[in-house]
Amino acid sequence: MTVKLYANEVVLKAGDTNQVIDSNTVEGKLIITNQRLYFKTLDEETDRFNLEILFDNIREVIYFSKGLFSVKGLNVVTRDGKCHSFPLKKRDEIGQLINKMY
């Protein structure tokens, strides 16, 4: 799995996650660079779910937690009103990084 980086783009943090689309989950990696947020699927069959969000297009980052000991993650709301959900183990660390960037 490789991601083409733009000129002067540097990966700041990357981690395994799933993207929750409706009630389905797609396995992949969430990659935060100094220019964008990128979700890259692990399986070539699900490449249509690859996602790139420029920081200018982020409206809000919402932290979520389901249950006392279960899933924590981030919802990234874009300016077009779409909500992208990512369950993450390091939710707080990645959420703070995204909040600094937009």
C-alpha atoms as a PDB file:
ATOM      1  CA  MET A   1       0.000   0.000   0.000  1.00  0.00           C
ATOM      2  CA  THR A   2       1.446   3.349  -1.047  1.00  0.00           C
ATOM      3  CA  VAL A   3       0.089   6.862  -1.045  1.00  0.00           C
ATOM      4  CA  LYS A   4       1.378   9.466  -3.463  1.00  0.00           C
ATOM      5  CA  LEU A   5       2.364  12.546  -1.526  1.00  0.00           C
ATOM      6  CA  TYR A   6       2.117  16.079  -2.881  1.00  0.00           C
ATOM      7  CA  ALA A   7       5.134  18.359  -3.145  1.00  0.00           C
ATOM      8  CA  ASN A   8       6.435  19.306   0.332  1.00  0.00           C
ATOM      9  CA  GLU A   9       3.981  16.902   1.999  1.00  0.00           C
ATOM     10  CA  VAL A  10       5.092  15.009   5.118  1.00  0.00           C
ATOM     11  CA  VAL A  11       3.277  12.212   6.975  1.00  0.00           C
ATOM     12  CA  LEU A  12       2.697  13.305  10.583  1.00  0.00           C
ATOM     13  CA  LYS A  13       0.827  10.267  11.896  1.00  0.00           C
ATOM     14  CA  ALA A  14      -0.728   7.079  10.531  1.00  0.00           C
ATOM     15  CA  GLY A  15      -2.750   4.339  12.157  1.00  0.00           C
ATOM     16  CA  ASP A  16      -4.940   1.342  11.434  1.00  0.00           C
ATOM     17  CA  THR A  17      -8.654   2.009  11.520  1.00  0.00           C
ATOM     18  CA  ASN A  18     -11.935   1.260   9.813  1.00  0.00           C
ATOM     19  CA  GLN A  19     -14.124   3.682   7.968  1.00  0.00           C
ATOM     20  CA  VAL A  20     -17.750   3.213   8.918  1.00  0.00           C
ATOM     21  CA  ILE A  21     -19.998   3.710   5.887  1.00  0.00           C
ATOM     22  CA  ASP A  22     -23.685   3.340   6.768  1.00  0.00           C
ATOM     23  CA  SER A  23     -23.562   0.053   8.729  1.00  0.00           C
ATOM     24  CA  ASN A  24     -20.556  -1.395   6.858  1.00  0.00           C
ATOM     25  CA  THR A  25     -16.918  -1.132   7.872  1.00  0.00           C
ATOM     26  CA  VAL A  26     -13.971  -0.900   5.484  1.00  0.00           C
ATOM     27  CA  GLU A  27     -10.510  -1.735   6.852  1.00  0.00           C
ATOM     28  CA  GLY A  28      -7.691   0.681   6.111  1.00  0.00           C
ATOM     29  CA  LYS A  29      -5.221   3.237   7.392  1.00  0.00           C
ATOM     30  CA  LEU A  30      -5.868   6.816   8.412  1.00  0.00           C
ATOM     31  CA  ILE A  31      -2.941   8.985   7.361  1.00  0.00           C
ATOM     32  CA  ILE A  32      -2.535  12.580   8.571  1.00  0.00           C
ATOM     33  CA  THR A  33      -0.070  14.725   6.641  1.00  0.00           C
ATOM     34  CA  ASN A  34       0.756  18.396   6.881  1.00  0.00           C
ATOM     35  CA  GLN A  35      -1.665  19.056   3.979  1.00  0.00           C
ATOM     36  CA  ARG A  36      -4.551  16.584   4.256  1.00  0.00           C
ATOM     37  CA  LEU A  37      -6.257  13.676   5.961  1.00  0.00           C
ATOM     38  CA  TYR A  38      -6.269  10.475   3.895  1.00  0.00           C
ATOM     39  CA  PHE A  39      -8.011   7.122   4.352  1.00  0.00           C
ATOM     40  CA  LYS A  40      -6.462   4.317   2.287  1.00  0.00           C
ATOM     41  CA  THR A  41      -8.141   0.898   2.158  1.00  0.00           C
ATOM     42  CA  LEU A  42      -6.105  -2.255   2.710  1.00  0.00           C
ATOM     43  CA  ASP A  43      -7.892  -4.257   0.004  1.00  0.00           C
ATOM     44  CA  GLU A  44      -7.705  -3.275  -3.680  1.00  0.00           C
ATOM     45  CA  GLU A  45     -11.336  -4.383  -4.146  1.00  0.00           C
ATOM     46  CA  THR A  46     -12.476  -1.563  -1.846  1.00  0.00           C
ATOM     47  CA  ASP A  47     -10.375   1.207  -3.458  1.00  0.00           C
ATOM     48  CA  ARG A  48     -13.573   3.144  -4.184  1.00  0.00           C
ATOM     49  CA  PHE A  49     -13.714   3.948  -0.454  1.00  0.00           C
ATOM     50  CA  ASN A  50     -10.324   5.708  -0.460  1.00  0.00           C
ATOM     51  CA  LEU A  51     -10.871   9.175   0.931  1.00  0.00           C
ATOM     52  CA  GLU A  52      -8.923  12.414   0.853  1.00  0.00           C
ATOM     53  CA  ILE A  53      -9.983  15.427   2.922  1.00  0.00           C
ATOM     54  CA  LEU A  54      -8.075  18.684   2.702  1.00  0.00           C
ATOM     55  CA  PHE A  55      -7.949  20.572   5.990  1.00  0.00           C
ATOM     56  CA  ASP A  56      -9.782  23.546   4.397  1.00  0.00           C
ATOM     57  CA  ASN A  57     -12.790  21.244   3.845  1.00  0.00           C
ATOM     58  CA  ILE A  58     -13.111  20.125   7.494  1.00  0.00           C
ATOM     59  CA  ARG A  59     -15.921  21.823   9.383  1.00  0.00           C
ATOM     60  CA  GLU A  60     -15.707  19.947  12.670  1.00  0.00           C
ATOM     61  CA  VAL A  61     -14.049  16.991  14.415  1.00  0.00           C
ATOM     62  CA  ILE A  62     -16.322  15.186  16.883  1.00  0.00           C
ATOM     63  CA  TYR A  63     -15.028  12.675  19.428  1.00  0.00           C
ATOM     64  CA  PHE A  64     -17.283   9.685  20.097  1.00  0.00           C
ATOM     65  CA  SER A  65     -17.366   6.761  22.472  1.00  0.00           C
ATOM     66  CA  LYS A  66     -19.745   3.806  22.359  1.00  0.00           C
ATOM     67  CA  GLY A  67     -20.133   2.215  25.761  1.00  0.00           C
ATOM     68  CA  LEU A  68     -17.879   2.288  28.787  1.00  0.00           C
ATOM     69  CA  PHE A  69     -15.126  -0.061  27.562  1.00  0.00           C
ATOM     70  CA  SER A  70     -15.800  -0.220  23.850  1.00  0.00           C
ATOM     71  CA  VAL A  71     -15.059   1.721  20.693  1.00  0.00           C
ATOM     72  CA  LYS A  72     -13.696   5.276  20.702  1.00  0.00           C
ATOM     73  CA  GLY A  73     -13.193   7.290  17.559  1.00  0.00           C
ATOM     74  CA  LEU A  74     -13.604  10.444  15.519  1.00  0.00           C
ATOM     75  CA  ASN A  75     -16.313  11.780  13.265  1.00  0.00           C
ATOM     76  CA  VAL A  76     -14.919  14.212  10.705  1.00  0.00           C
ATOM     77  CA  VAL A  77     -17.622  16.536   9.350  1.00  0.00           C
ATOM     78  CA  THR A  78     -16.809  18.199   6.032  1.00  0.00           C
ATOM     79  CA  ARG A  79     -18.098  21.504   4.687  1.00  0.00           C
ATOM     80  CA  ASP A  80     -20.443  19.672   2.290  1.00  0.00           C
ATOM     81  CA  GLY A  81     -22.212  18.138   5.314  1.00  0.00           C
ATOM     82  CA  LYS A  82     -20.844  14.590   5.061  1.00  0.00           C
ATOM     83  CA  CYS A  83     -19.784  12.826   8.243  1.00  0.00           C
ATOM     84  CA  HIS A  84     -16.911  10.328   8.060  1.00  0.00           C
ATOM     85  CA  SER A  85     -16.569   7.997  11.045  1.00  0.00           C
ATOM     86  CA  PHE A  86     -13.243   6.446  12.106  1.00  0.00           C
ATOM     87  CA  PRO A  87     -12.909   4.189  15.182  1.00  0.00           C
ATOM     88  CA  LEU A  88      -9.402   4.835  16.583  1.00  0.00           C
ATOM     89  CA  LYS A  89      -7.354   3.569  19.523  1.00  0.00           C
ATOM     90  CA  LYS A  90      -5.405   6.858  19.713  1.00  0.00           C
ATOM     91  CA  ARG A  91      -8.482   9.027  19.222  1.00  0.00           C
ATOM     92  CA  ASP A  92      -7.394  11.896  21.470  1.00  0.00           C
ATOM     93  CA  GLU A  93      -3.897  12.187  20.006  1.00  0.00           C
ATOM     94  CA  ILE A  94      -5.052  12.086  16.377  1.00  0.00           C
ATOM     95  CA  GLY A  95      -8.039  14.344  17.072  1.00  0.00           C
ATOM     96  CA  GLN A  96      -5.809  17.026  18.612  1.00  0.00           C
ATOM     97  CA  LEU A  97      -3.452  16.809  15.636  1.00  0.00           C
ATOM     98  CA  ILE A  98      -6.311  17.284  13.155  1.00  0.00           C
ATOM     99  CA  ASN A  99      -7.728  20.171  15.196  1.00  0.00           C
ATOM    100  CA  LYS A 100      -4.370  21.980  15.044  1.00  0.00           C
ATOM    101  CA  MET A 101      -4.243  21.647  11.270  1.00  0.00           C
ATOM    102  CA  TYR A 102      -7.592  23.145  10.175  1.00  0.00           C
END
